[in-house]
N, C-alpha and C. Protein backbone atom coordinates (compact mmCIF):
# COMPACT_ATOMS: atom_id res chain seq x y z
N UNK A 1 -8.30 4.07 17.61
CA UNK A 1 -6.96 4.05 18.19
C UNK A 1 -6.00 3.32 17.26
N UNK A 2 -4.81 3.92 17.05
CA UNK A 2 -3.81 3.29 16.20
C UNK A 2 -3.36 1.96 16.82
N UNK A 3 -3.01 0.96 15.99
CA UNK A 3 -2.63 -0.35 16.52
C UNK A 3 -1.50 -0.31 17.55
N UNK A 4 -0.45 0.47 17.27
CA UNK A 4 0.67 0.53 18.22
C UNK A 4 0.19 1.12 19.54
N UNK A 5 -0.62 2.18 19.48
CA UNK A 5 -1.14 2.79 20.70
C UNK A 5 -2.03 1.81 21.47
N UNK A 6 -2.80 1.02 20.73
CA UNK A 6 -3.66 0.01 21.35
C UNK A 6 -2.83 -1.04 22.08
N UNK A 7 -1.75 -1.49 21.46
CA UNK A 7 -0.87 -2.48 22.10
C UNK A 7 -0.21 -1.89 23.34
N UNK A 8 0.24 -0.64 23.25
CA UNK A 8 0.84 0.01 24.42
C UNK A 8 -0.19 0.17 25.54
N UNK A 9 -1.41 0.53 25.18
CA UNK A 9 -2.46 0.73 26.17
C UNK A 9 -2.79 -0.57 26.89
N UNK A 10 -2.88 -1.66 26.13
CA UNK A 10 -3.15 -2.97 26.74
C UNK A 10 -2.01 -3.36 27.68
N UNK A 11 -0.79 -3.15 27.22
CA UNK A 11 0.39 -3.48 28.04
C UNK A 11 0.39 -2.69 29.34
N UNK A 12 0.12 -1.39 29.24
CA UNK A 12 0.11 -0.54 30.43
C UNK A 12 -0.99 -0.96 31.39
N UNK A 13 -2.18 -1.25 30.86
CA UNK A 13 -3.31 -1.63 31.72
C UNK A 13 -3.04 -2.93 32.46
N UNK A 14 -2.53 -3.93 31.73
CA UNK A 14 -2.25 -5.23 32.34
C UNK A 14 -1.12 -5.10 33.36
N UNK A 15 -0.06 -4.37 33.00
CA UNK A 15 1.08 -4.19 33.92
C UNK A 15 0.64 -3.48 35.19
N UNK A 16 -0.18 -2.46 35.06
CA UNK A 16 -0.67 -1.71 36.23
C UNK A 16 -1.53 -2.60 37.12
N UNK A 17 -2.35 -3.45 36.48
CA UNK A 17 -3.20 -4.36 37.25
C UNK A 17 -2.37 -5.36 38.03
N UNK A 18 -1.31 -5.86 37.41
CA UNK A 18 -0.45 -6.83 38.10
C UNK A 18 0.23 -6.17 39.29
N UNK A 19 0.80 -4.99 39.08
CA UNK A 19 1.49 -4.29 40.17
C UNK A 19 0.51 -3.93 41.28
N UNK A 20 -0.70 -3.51 40.91
CA UNK A 20 -1.71 -3.20 41.92
C UNK A 20 -2.05 -4.43 42.75
N UNK A 21 -2.14 -5.60 42.06
CA UNK A 21 -2.43 -6.83 42.78
C UNK A 21 -1.31 -7.24 43.71
N UNK A 22 -0.08 -6.87 43.36
CA UNK A 22 1.07 -7.21 44.20
C UNK A 22 1.38 -6.15 45.25
N UNK A 23 0.63 -5.04 45.20
CA UNK A 23 0.98 -3.92 46.07
C UNK A 23 0.92 -4.27 47.55
N UNK A 24 -0.01 -5.15 47.93
CA UNK A 24 -0.12 -5.50 49.34
C UNK A 24 1.14 -6.18 49.87
N UNK A 25 1.86 -6.86 48.94
CA UNK A 25 3.12 -7.48 49.36
C UNK A 25 4.23 -6.44 49.42
N UNK A 26 4.20 -5.50 48.47
CA UNK A 26 5.19 -4.43 48.48
C UNK A 26 5.00 -3.55 49.71
N UNK A 27 3.74 -3.39 50.13
CA UNK A 27 3.42 -2.50 51.26
C UNK A 27 3.99 -2.99 52.57
N UNK A 28 4.42 -4.25 52.64
CA UNK A 28 5.03 -4.75 53.87
C UNK A 28 6.37 -4.10 54.15
N UNK A 29 6.95 -3.49 53.12
CA UNK A 29 8.20 -2.77 53.34
C UNK A 29 7.96 -1.67 54.35
N UNK A 30 8.88 -1.50 55.26
CA UNK A 30 8.73 -0.53 56.34
C UNK A 30 8.41 0.85 55.78
N UNK A 31 7.50 1.55 56.44
CA UNK A 31 7.06 2.86 55.96
C UNK A 31 8.20 3.86 55.89
N UNK A 32 9.30 3.60 56.59
CA UNK A 32 10.45 4.49 56.52
C UNK A 32 11.15 4.41 55.15
N UNK A 33 10.78 3.41 54.40
CA UNK A 33 11.43 3.20 53.10
C UNK A 33 10.43 3.38 51.96
N UNK A 34 9.62 4.42 52.07
CA UNK A 34 8.59 4.66 51.04
C UNK A 34 9.21 4.93 49.67
N UNK A 35 10.38 5.58 49.65
CA UNK A 35 11.04 5.85 48.37
C UNK A 35 11.45 4.55 47.71
N UNK A 36 12.01 3.63 48.55
CA UNK A 36 12.40 2.32 48.01
C UNK A 36 11.17 1.58 47.51
N UNK A 37 10.09 1.66 48.28
CA UNK A 37 8.85 0.99 47.88
C UNK A 37 8.35 1.54 46.54
N UNK A 38 8.41 2.88 46.41
CA UNK A 38 7.98 3.51 45.17
C UNK A 38 8.85 3.07 44.00
N UNK A 39 10.17 3.03 44.22
CA UNK A 39 11.08 2.64 43.14
C UNK A 39 10.86 1.19 42.73
N UNK A 40 10.58 0.33 43.72
CA UNK A 40 10.32 -1.08 43.40
C UNK A 40 9.06 -1.20 42.54
N UNK A 41 8.01 -0.49 42.94
CA UNK A 41 6.76 -0.56 42.17
C UNK A 41 6.95 0.03 40.77
N UNK A 42 7.73 1.10 40.65
CA UNK A 42 8.00 1.70 39.35
C UNK A 42 8.77 0.75 38.45
N UNK A 43 9.78 0.11 39.02
CA UNK A 43 10.58 -0.86 38.26
C UNK A 43 9.72 -2.04 37.81
N UNK A 44 8.88 -2.52 38.72
CA UNK A 44 8.02 -3.66 38.39
C UNK A 44 7.03 -3.28 37.28
N UNK A 45 6.45 -2.08 37.37
CA UNK A 45 5.49 -1.63 36.36
C UNK A 45 6.15 -1.59 34.98
N UNK A 46 7.34 -0.99 34.94
CA UNK A 46 8.04 -0.88 33.66
C UNK A 46 8.42 -2.25 33.11
N UNK A 47 8.88 -3.12 33.99
CA UNK A 47 9.30 -4.47 33.57
C UNK A 47 8.13 -5.27 33.03
N UNK A 48 7.03 -5.27 33.78
CA UNK A 48 5.85 -6.00 33.32
C UNK A 48 5.32 -5.40 32.00
N UNK A 49 5.36 -4.07 31.92
CA UNK A 49 4.90 -3.40 30.70
C UNK A 49 5.71 -3.85 29.48
N UNK A 50 7.04 -3.86 29.61
CA UNK A 50 7.90 -4.26 28.50
C UNK A 50 7.68 -5.73 28.13
N UNK A 51 7.58 -6.57 29.15
CA UNK A 51 7.38 -8.00 28.91
C UNK A 51 6.07 -8.24 28.17
N UNK A 52 4.99 -7.58 28.62
CA UNK A 52 3.68 -7.78 28.01
C UNK A 52 3.65 -7.24 26.59
N UNK A 53 4.29 -6.09 26.36
CA UNK A 53 4.31 -5.51 25.02
C UNK A 53 5.07 -6.42 24.04
N UNK A 54 6.22 -6.93 24.48
CA UNK A 54 6.99 -7.85 23.63
C UNK A 54 6.18 -9.12 23.36
N UNK A 55 5.46 -9.59 24.38
CA UNK A 55 4.62 -10.78 24.21
C UNK A 55 3.52 -10.53 23.19
N UNK A 56 2.92 -9.35 23.22
CA UNK A 56 1.88 -9.01 22.25
C UNK A 56 2.45 -9.01 20.83
N UNK A 57 3.63 -8.44 20.67
CA UNK A 57 4.26 -8.42 19.34
C UNK A 57 4.52 -9.83 18.83
N UNK A 58 5.00 -10.71 19.71
CA UNK A 58 5.28 -12.09 19.30
C UNK A 58 3.99 -12.84 18.98
N UNK A 59 2.95 -12.61 19.78
CA UNK A 59 1.68 -13.28 19.52
C UNK A 59 1.07 -12.81 18.19
N UNK A 60 1.25 -11.53 17.87
CA UNK A 60 0.73 -11.01 16.60
C UNK A 60 1.41 -11.67 15.41
N UNK A 61 2.68 -12.02 15.56
CA UNK A 61 3.41 -12.68 14.48
C UNK A 61 2.98 -14.13 14.31
N UNK A 62 2.56 -14.75 15.40
CA UNK A 62 2.28 -16.19 15.36
C UNK A 62 0.79 -16.52 15.28
N UNK A 63 -0.06 -15.66 15.82
CA UNK A 63 -1.49 -15.97 15.89
C UNK A 63 -2.28 -14.88 15.18
N UNK A 64 -2.91 -15.23 14.09
CA UNK A 64 -3.62 -14.24 13.27
C UNK A 64 -4.76 -13.58 14.02
N UNK A 65 -5.46 -14.32 14.88
CA UNK A 65 -6.58 -13.75 15.62
C UNK A 65 -6.13 -12.62 16.54
N UNK A 66 -4.94 -12.77 17.14
CA UNK A 66 -4.40 -11.72 18.00
C UNK A 66 -4.08 -10.49 17.16
N UNK A 67 -3.46 -10.71 16.00
CA UNK A 67 -3.13 -9.59 15.12
C UNK A 67 -4.41 -8.87 14.67
N UNK A 68 -5.44 -9.62 14.32
CA UNK A 68 -6.70 -9.01 13.91
C UNK A 68 -7.29 -8.16 15.03
N UNK A 69 -7.23 -8.68 16.26
CA UNK A 69 -7.78 -7.95 17.40
C UNK A 69 -7.04 -6.64 17.63
N UNK A 70 -5.72 -6.69 17.57
CA UNK A 70 -4.93 -5.48 17.82
C UNK A 70 -5.09 -4.48 16.68
N UNK A 71 -5.06 -4.95 15.44
CA UNK A 71 -5.16 -4.04 14.30
C UNK A 71 -6.58 -3.53 14.06
N UNK A 72 -7.57 -4.35 14.38
CA UNK A 72 -8.95 -3.92 14.20
C UNK A 72 -9.23 -3.53 12.75
N UNK A 73 -9.76 -2.34 12.54
CA UNK A 73 -10.10 -1.88 11.19
C UNK A 73 -8.87 -1.60 10.35
N UNK A 74 -7.70 -1.60 10.97
CA UNK A 74 -6.46 -1.41 10.21
C UNK A 74 -5.95 -2.74 9.63
N UNK A 75 -6.68 -3.82 9.86
CA UNK A 75 -6.23 -5.13 9.39
C UNK A 75 -6.56 -5.31 7.91
N UNK A 76 -5.51 -5.44 7.08
CA UNK A 76 -5.67 -5.66 5.64
C UNK A 76 -4.89 -6.88 5.16
N UNK A 77 -4.10 -7.47 6.01
CA UNK A 77 -3.15 -8.51 5.59
C UNK A 77 -3.84 -9.65 4.85
N UNK A 78 -3.18 -10.11 3.80
CA UNK A 78 -3.71 -11.24 3.06
C UNK A 78 -3.58 -11.05 1.56
N UNK A 79 -4.34 -11.84 0.84
CA UNK A 79 -4.30 -11.87 -0.62
C UNK A 79 -5.51 -11.14 -1.20
N UNK A 80 -5.24 -10.23 -2.13
CA UNK A 80 -6.29 -9.46 -2.79
C UNK A 80 -6.18 -9.65 -4.30
N UNK A 81 -7.30 -9.61 -4.98
CA UNK A 81 -7.29 -9.62 -6.45
C UNK A 81 -8.09 -8.41 -6.94
N UNK A 82 -7.80 -7.98 -8.17
CA UNK A 82 -8.51 -6.82 -8.65
C UNK A 82 -8.45 -6.67 -10.15
N UNK A 83 -9.13 -5.64 -10.63
CA UNK A 83 -9.10 -5.29 -12.05
C UNK A 83 -9.08 -3.77 -12.17
N UNK A 84 -8.48 -3.27 -13.23
CA UNK A 84 -8.47 -1.84 -13.49
C UNK A 84 -8.49 -1.58 -14.99
N UNK A 85 -8.98 -0.39 -15.34
CA UNK A 85 -9.00 -0.02 -16.76
C UNK A 85 -7.69 0.66 -17.12
N UNK A 86 -7.17 0.36 -18.28
CA UNK A 86 -5.90 0.92 -18.75
C UNK A 86 -6.08 1.34 -20.19
N UNK A 87 -6.29 2.65 -20.40
CA UNK A 87 -6.51 3.18 -21.75
C UNK A 87 -7.58 2.37 -22.49
N UNK A 88 -8.73 2.26 -21.85
CA UNK A 88 -9.92 1.59 -22.39
C UNK A 88 -9.78 0.08 -22.49
N UNK A 89 -8.73 -0.46 -21.93
CA UNK A 89 -8.58 -1.91 -21.84
C UNK A 89 -8.73 -2.28 -20.36
N UNK A 90 -8.90 -3.57 -20.09
CA UNK A 90 -9.06 -4.02 -18.71
C UNK A 90 -7.95 -5.00 -18.37
N UNK A 91 -7.33 -4.80 -17.23
CA UNK A 91 -6.24 -5.66 -16.78
C UNK A 91 -6.54 -6.17 -15.37
N UNK A 92 -5.86 -7.26 -15.00
CA UNK A 92 -6.19 -7.96 -13.76
C UNK A 92 -4.92 -8.15 -12.93
N UNK A 93 -5.08 -8.24 -11.64
CA UNK A 93 -3.90 -8.31 -10.79
C UNK A 93 -4.19 -9.01 -9.47
N UNK A 94 -3.12 -9.36 -8.80
CA UNK A 94 -3.21 -9.81 -7.41
C UNK A 94 -2.23 -8.98 -6.60
N UNK A 95 -2.52 -8.84 -5.32
CA UNK A 95 -1.64 -8.13 -4.40
C UNK A 95 -1.54 -8.91 -3.10
N UNK A 96 -0.34 -8.93 -2.53
CA UNK A 96 -0.10 -9.57 -1.24
C UNK A 96 0.19 -8.47 -0.22
N UNK A 97 -0.69 -8.35 0.77
CA UNK A 97 -0.52 -7.38 1.84
C UNK A 97 0.17 -8.07 3.01
N UNK A 98 1.27 -7.50 3.48
CA UNK A 98 1.95 -7.98 4.68
C UNK A 98 1.97 -6.86 5.70
N UNK A 99 1.72 -7.20 6.97
CA UNK A 99 1.47 -6.17 7.96
C UNK A 99 2.01 -6.56 9.33
N UNK A 100 2.48 -5.54 10.06
CA UNK A 100 2.72 -5.69 11.50
C UNK A 100 2.12 -4.47 12.17
N UNK A 101 2.40 -4.27 13.46
CA UNK A 101 1.75 -3.18 14.17
C UNK A 101 2.27 -1.81 13.75
N UNK A 102 3.39 -1.77 13.09
CA UNK A 102 4.00 -0.49 12.77
C UNK A 102 3.92 -0.12 11.29
N UNK A 103 3.52 -1.03 10.44
CA UNK A 103 3.47 -0.68 9.03
C UNK A 103 2.96 -1.80 8.14
N UNK A 104 2.96 -1.52 6.84
CA UNK A 104 2.42 -2.45 5.86
C UNK A 104 3.23 -2.36 4.57
N UNK A 105 3.39 -3.49 3.91
CA UNK A 105 3.97 -3.50 2.57
C UNK A 105 3.05 -4.30 1.65
N UNK A 106 3.01 -3.88 0.39
CA UNK A 106 2.14 -4.52 -0.59
C UNK A 106 2.96 -4.80 -1.85
N UNK A 107 2.86 -6.02 -2.34
CA UNK A 107 3.50 -6.37 -3.60
C UNK A 107 2.43 -6.90 -4.54
N UNK A 108 2.42 -6.36 -5.76
CA UNK A 108 1.40 -6.77 -6.71
C UNK A 108 1.96 -7.05 -8.09
N UNK A 109 1.17 -7.77 -8.88
CA UNK A 109 1.55 -8.08 -10.26
C UNK A 109 0.30 -8.10 -11.11
N UNK A 110 0.41 -7.52 -12.33
CA UNK A 110 -0.75 -7.39 -13.21
C UNK A 110 -0.57 -8.18 -14.50
N UNK A 111 -1.72 -8.55 -15.11
CA UNK A 111 -1.76 -9.34 -16.33
C UNK A 111 -2.74 -8.69 -17.30
N UNK A 112 -2.48 -8.86 -18.61
CA UNK A 112 -3.44 -8.36 -19.59
C UNK A 112 -4.50 -9.43 -19.86
N UNK A 113 -5.40 -9.12 -20.79
CA UNK A 113 -6.49 -10.05 -21.10
C UNK A 113 -5.98 -11.40 -21.62
N UNK A 114 -4.80 -11.39 -22.22
CA UNK A 114 -4.22 -12.62 -22.77
C UNK A 114 -3.38 -13.38 -21.76
N UNK A 115 -3.47 -12.97 -20.49
CA UNK A 115 -2.80 -13.63 -19.37
C UNK A 115 -1.29 -13.44 -19.39
N UNK A 116 -0.82 -12.40 -20.05
CA UNK A 116 0.60 -12.07 -20.05
C UNK A 116 0.91 -11.13 -18.89
N UNK A 117 2.03 -11.36 -18.22
CA UNK A 117 2.45 -10.46 -17.16
C UNK A 117 2.89 -9.13 -17.78
N UNK A 118 2.41 -8.03 -17.23
CA UNK A 118 2.75 -6.73 -17.82
C UNK A 118 3.48 -5.79 -16.86
N UNK A 119 3.28 -5.94 -15.56
CA UNK A 119 3.98 -5.07 -14.62
C UNK A 119 3.85 -5.59 -13.20
N UNK A 120 4.70 -5.08 -12.34
CA UNK A 120 4.62 -5.37 -10.91
C UNK A 120 4.88 -4.08 -10.15
N UNK A 121 4.52 -4.04 -8.88
CA UNK A 121 4.69 -2.82 -8.09
C UNK A 121 4.89 -3.15 -6.62
N UNK A 122 5.40 -2.15 -5.92
CA UNK A 122 5.62 -2.24 -4.49
C UNK A 122 5.06 -1.00 -3.81
N UNK A 123 4.38 -1.20 -2.70
CA UNK A 123 3.81 -0.10 -1.93
C UNK A 123 4.29 -0.26 -0.48
N UNK A 124 4.78 0.81 0.10
CA UNK A 124 5.25 0.78 1.48
C UNK A 124 4.43 1.77 2.32
N UNK A 125 3.87 1.25 3.40
CA UNK A 125 3.15 2.06 4.40
C UNK A 125 2.11 3.02 3.79
N UNK A 126 1.06 2.47 3.21
CA UNK A 126 -0.03 3.32 2.74
C UNK A 126 -0.67 4.07 3.92
N UNK A 127 -1.34 5.18 3.60
CA UNK A 127 -2.03 5.96 4.63
C UNK A 127 -3.46 5.44 4.75
N UNK A 128 -3.82 5.00 5.95
CA UNK A 128 -5.16 4.46 6.19
C UNK A 128 -5.91 5.46 7.06
N UNK A 129 -6.94 6.06 6.50
CA UNK A 129 -7.76 7.03 7.22
C UNK A 129 -9.09 6.36 7.57
N UNK A 130 -9.19 5.87 8.80
CA UNK A 130 -10.38 5.13 9.21
C UNK A 130 -11.63 6.00 9.22
N UNK A 131 -11.62 7.22 9.82
CA UNK A 131 -12.85 8.02 9.85
C UNK A 131 -13.41 8.32 8.47
N UNK A 132 -12.54 8.52 7.47
CA UNK A 132 -13.01 8.83 6.12
C UNK A 132 -13.02 7.60 5.21
N UNK A 133 -12.63 6.45 5.73
CA UNK A 133 -12.57 5.21 4.94
C UNK A 133 -11.75 5.39 3.67
N UNK A 134 -10.58 6.02 3.80
CA UNK A 134 -9.71 6.28 2.66
C UNK A 134 -8.40 5.51 2.79
N UNK A 135 -7.95 4.99 1.65
CA UNK A 135 -6.71 4.22 1.56
C UNK A 135 -5.86 4.90 0.49
N UNK A 136 -4.75 5.52 0.88
CA UNK A 136 -3.97 6.36 -0.03
C UNK A 136 -2.51 5.93 -0.02
N UNK A 137 -1.86 5.93 -1.19
CA UNK A 137 -0.45 5.55 -1.24
C UNK A 137 0.21 6.01 -2.54
N UNK A 138 1.54 6.05 -2.49
CA UNK A 138 2.38 6.20 -3.68
C UNK A 138 3.01 4.84 -3.97
N UNK A 139 3.31 4.59 -5.21
CA UNK A 139 3.87 3.29 -5.55
C UNK A 139 4.92 3.41 -6.65
N UNK A 140 5.75 2.39 -6.72
CA UNK A 140 6.72 2.24 -7.81
C UNK A 140 6.33 1.02 -8.63
N UNK A 141 6.21 1.20 -9.94
CA UNK A 141 5.76 0.13 -10.81
C UNK A 141 6.83 -0.20 -11.85
N UNK A 142 7.14 -1.47 -11.94
CA UNK A 142 8.08 -1.96 -12.93
C UNK A 142 7.29 -2.42 -14.15
N UNK A 143 7.37 -1.64 -15.22
CA UNK A 143 6.64 -1.96 -16.45
C UNK A 143 7.48 -2.92 -17.29
N UNK A 144 7.00 -4.17 -17.43
CA UNK A 144 7.77 -5.19 -18.15
C UNK A 144 7.90 -4.89 -19.64
N UNK A 145 6.92 -4.16 -20.19
CA UNK A 145 6.94 -3.91 -21.64
C UNK A 145 7.95 -2.85 -22.04
N UNK A 146 8.30 -1.95 -21.13
CA UNK A 146 9.24 -0.87 -21.45
C UNK A 146 10.51 -0.91 -20.61
N UNK A 147 10.53 -1.79 -19.59
CA UNK A 147 11.65 -1.86 -18.65
C UNK A 147 11.85 -0.55 -17.88
N UNK A 148 10.78 0.21 -17.73
CA UNK A 148 10.83 1.46 -16.99
C UNK A 148 10.26 1.28 -15.58
N UNK A 149 10.74 2.09 -14.65
CA UNK A 149 10.17 2.15 -13.31
C UNK A 149 9.32 3.42 -13.24
N UNK A 150 8.04 3.23 -13.07
CA UNK A 150 7.11 4.35 -13.02
C UNK A 150 6.68 4.61 -11.58
N UNK A 151 6.46 5.87 -11.26
CA UNK A 151 5.91 6.22 -9.96
C UNK A 151 4.47 6.68 -10.13
N UNK A 152 3.63 6.31 -9.17
CA UNK A 152 2.23 6.67 -9.28
C UNK A 152 1.60 6.97 -7.94
N UNK A 153 0.35 7.39 -8.00
CA UNK A 153 -0.42 7.77 -6.81
C UNK A 153 -1.78 7.09 -6.90
N UNK A 154 -2.28 6.66 -5.75
CA UNK A 154 -3.58 5.99 -5.73
C UNK A 154 -4.38 6.41 -4.49
N UNK A 155 -5.69 6.47 -4.68
CA UNK A 155 -6.60 6.72 -3.55
C UNK A 155 -7.84 5.86 -3.74
N UNK A 156 -8.25 5.20 -2.67
CA UNK A 156 -9.40 4.30 -2.75
C UNK A 156 -10.30 4.47 -1.53
N UNK A 157 -11.54 4.08 -1.71
CA UNK A 157 -12.48 4.00 -0.60
C UNK A 157 -12.43 2.59 -0.03
N UNK A 158 -12.41 2.49 1.30
CA UNK A 158 -12.37 1.20 1.97
C UNK A 158 -13.79 0.76 2.30
N UNK A 159 -14.10 -0.49 1.99
CA UNK A 159 -15.40 -1.07 2.34
C UNK A 159 -15.18 -2.13 3.42
N UNK A 160 -15.97 -2.03 4.47
CA UNK A 160 -15.82 -2.93 5.61
C UNK A 160 -17.04 -3.83 5.79
N UNK A 161 -16.76 -5.02 6.29
CA UNK A 161 -17.77 -5.79 6.98
C UNK A 161 -17.33 -5.69 8.44
N UNK A 162 -16.63 -6.69 8.95
CA UNK A 162 -15.96 -6.48 10.23
C UNK A 162 -14.58 -5.91 9.97
N UNK A 163 -13.92 -6.45 8.95
CA UNK A 163 -12.62 -5.95 8.51
C UNK A 163 -12.75 -5.49 7.06
N UNK A 164 -11.71 -4.85 6.57
CA UNK A 164 -11.73 -4.39 5.18
C UNK A 164 -11.82 -5.59 4.23
N UNK A 165 -12.69 -5.50 3.24
CA UNK A 165 -12.82 -6.59 2.28
C UNK A 165 -12.80 -6.10 0.83
N UNK A 166 -12.89 -4.76 0.63
CA UNK A 166 -12.96 -4.24 -0.73
C UNK A 166 -12.34 -2.83 -0.77
N UNK A 167 -11.63 -2.55 -1.86
CA UNK A 167 -11.10 -1.22 -2.14
C UNK A 167 -11.58 -0.81 -3.53
N UNK A 168 -12.05 0.41 -3.66
CA UNK A 168 -12.49 0.91 -4.97
C UNK A 168 -11.98 2.33 -5.12
N UNK A 169 -11.18 2.57 -6.17
CA UNK A 169 -10.61 3.90 -6.32
C UNK A 169 -9.96 4.09 -7.67
N UNK A 170 -8.90 4.88 -7.68
CA UNK A 170 -8.21 5.18 -8.93
C UNK A 170 -6.72 5.29 -8.69
N UNK A 171 -5.94 5.13 -9.76
CA UNK A 171 -4.49 5.31 -9.74
C UNK A 171 -4.09 6.22 -10.89
N UNK A 172 -3.01 6.96 -10.69
CA UNK A 172 -2.48 7.85 -11.72
C UNK A 172 -0.99 7.61 -11.86
N UNK A 173 -0.54 7.31 -13.08
CA UNK A 173 0.89 7.19 -13.36
C UNK A 173 1.13 7.51 -14.83
N UNK A 174 2.37 7.37 -15.26
CA UNK A 174 2.72 7.74 -16.63
C UNK A 174 2.41 6.67 -17.67
N UNK A 175 1.92 5.53 -17.22
CA UNK A 175 1.66 4.44 -18.17
C UNK A 175 0.36 4.66 -18.94
N UNK A 176 -0.56 5.38 -18.32
CA UNK A 176 -1.86 5.57 -18.97
C UNK A 176 -2.17 7.07 -19.09
N UNK A 177 -3.01 7.40 -20.02
CA UNK A 177 -3.34 8.79 -20.30
C UNK A 177 -4.29 9.38 -19.26
N UNK A 178 -5.10 8.54 -18.66
CA UNK A 178 -6.12 9.03 -17.72
C UNK A 178 -6.07 8.23 -16.42
N UNK A 179 -6.93 8.60 -15.49
CA UNK A 179 -7.04 7.86 -14.24
C UNK A 179 -7.41 6.41 -14.54
N UNK A 180 -6.81 5.51 -13.78
CA UNK A 180 -7.12 4.09 -13.91
C UNK A 180 -8.03 3.70 -12.75
N UNK A 181 -9.29 3.53 -13.02
CA UNK A 181 -10.23 3.12 -11.97
C UNK A 181 -10.04 1.63 -11.70
N UNK A 182 -10.11 1.27 -10.43
CA UNK A 182 -9.90 -0.13 -10.07
C UNK A 182 -10.77 -0.55 -8.90
N UNK A 183 -10.90 -1.84 -8.76
CA UNK A 183 -11.57 -2.42 -7.61
C UNK A 183 -10.76 -3.64 -7.16
N UNK A 184 -10.55 -3.77 -5.85
CA UNK A 184 -9.81 -4.89 -5.28
C UNK A 184 -10.70 -5.60 -4.26
N UNK A 185 -10.62 -6.92 -4.26
CA UNK A 185 -11.40 -7.74 -3.34
C UNK A 185 -10.45 -8.66 -2.58
N UNK A 186 -10.64 -8.73 -1.27
CA UNK A 186 -9.82 -9.65 -0.48
C UNK A 186 -10.39 -11.06 -0.60
N UNK A 187 -9.49 -12.03 -0.80
CA UNK A 187 -9.92 -13.42 -0.94
C UNK A 187 -9.17 -14.29 0.07
N UNK A 188 -9.47 -15.55 0.06
CA UNK A 188 -8.84 -16.49 1.00
C UNK A 188 -7.34 -16.61 0.70
N UNK A 189 -6.52 -16.61 1.76
CA UNK A 189 -5.08 -16.77 1.58
C UNK A 189 -4.76 -18.13 0.97
N UNK A 190 -3.63 -18.18 0.27
CA UNK A 190 -3.20 -19.41 -0.39
C UNK A 190 -1.86 -19.86 0.20
N UNK A 191 -1.77 -21.15 0.49
CA UNK A 191 -0.54 -21.68 1.09
C UNK A 191 0.62 -21.65 0.11
N UNK A 192 0.32 -21.86 -1.17
CA UNK A 192 1.36 -21.82 -2.20
C UNK A 192 0.94 -20.82 -3.27
N UNK A 193 1.45 -19.60 -3.15
CA UNK A 193 1.01 -18.52 -4.04
C UNK A 193 1.35 -18.81 -5.49
N UNK A 194 2.54 -19.34 -5.74
CA UNK A 194 2.97 -19.59 -7.12
C UNK A 194 2.05 -20.59 -7.81
N UNK A 195 1.70 -21.67 -7.12
CA UNK A 195 0.79 -22.66 -7.70
C UNK A 195 -0.59 -22.05 -7.95
N UNK A 196 -1.05 -21.24 -7.00
CA UNK A 196 -2.36 -20.61 -7.14
C UNK A 196 -2.38 -19.69 -8.35
N UNK A 197 -1.33 -18.91 -8.56
CA UNK A 197 -1.26 -18.01 -9.71
C UNK A 197 -1.33 -18.80 -11.01
N UNK A 198 -0.65 -19.92 -11.05
CA UNK A 198 -0.58 -20.72 -12.27
C UNK A 198 -1.86 -21.51 -12.54
N UNK A 199 -2.60 -21.84 -11.49
CA UNK A 199 -3.73 -22.76 -11.68
C UNK A 199 -5.10 -22.15 -11.37
N UNK A 200 -5.19 -21.23 -10.40
CA UNK A 200 -6.50 -20.78 -9.93
C UNK A 200 -6.76 -19.28 -10.06
N UNK A 201 -5.73 -18.51 -10.35
CA UNK A 201 -5.89 -17.05 -10.38
C UNK A 201 -7.02 -16.62 -11.31
N UNK A 202 -7.02 -17.11 -12.54
CA UNK A 202 -8.02 -16.67 -13.51
C UNK A 202 -9.40 -17.19 -13.18
N UNK A 203 -9.48 -18.37 -12.58
CA UNK A 203 -10.78 -18.86 -12.12
C UNK A 203 -11.34 -17.95 -11.03
N UNK A 204 -10.45 -17.49 -10.16
CA UNK A 204 -10.87 -16.59 -9.10
C UNK A 204 -11.30 -15.24 -9.66
N UNK A 205 -10.59 -14.76 -10.65
CA UNK A 205 -10.97 -13.51 -11.32
C UNK A 205 -12.36 -13.65 -11.94
N UNK A 206 -12.59 -14.75 -12.65
CA UNK A 206 -13.88 -14.97 -13.30
C UNK A 206 -15.03 -15.04 -12.29
N UNK A 207 -14.81 -15.75 -11.19
CA UNK A 207 -15.90 -15.96 -10.23
C UNK A 207 -16.13 -14.77 -9.31
N UNK A 208 -15.10 -13.93 -9.11
CA UNK A 208 -15.21 -12.83 -8.16
C UNK A 208 -15.43 -11.48 -8.81
N UNK A 209 -14.76 -11.22 -9.92
CA UNK A 209 -14.77 -9.88 -10.52
C UNK A 209 -15.53 -9.77 -11.84
N UNK A 210 -15.85 -10.88 -12.45
CA UNK A 210 -16.54 -10.82 -13.75
C UNK A 210 -18.00 -11.18 -13.66
N UNK A 211 -18.47 -11.49 -12.46
CA UNK A 211 -19.87 -11.89 -12.35
C UNK A 211 -20.79 -10.67 -12.31
């Protein structure tokens, strides 16, 4: 079930349960006013539904466990690191996944072997195919060496434990002559991303991707 549908379903179920529990009080309304009784119950159902749905959205923003529960296998949010081949060379990168119930954005930056920044990219709303474990998207890449904006396409296989923890696939763009095979691993989030990039990024690459 898609995350938004899951949130709507939970809201509807809880709202219906509340109205059902209150029905005995609504039923005291004289039987001559069944239409009024029906309208009251309909209004209450809709009101409770909206309140619960808004509450779920707010809880997802504030409590990660709630967001994980609602998103389920669609949960990718966090910090990822990876490596890919580029014309027989190997480059390394990090990506920050940000997510809500309706979509996802990804911002990444890559470095060469000499630890020089070479490009960055943005991905909006990748296609997540849970039954086939496929992660597909188009991206725009800012190549620092040429000052060009390149467009590319990527497809990866998703690896799960309880949630997604690894992506392995390929990307195609105008920067390289052939497909760029890559692997991404989700790691622990960092409170200060800039400090982590400057001090721990390469240690993390060595311990996670070069072993």
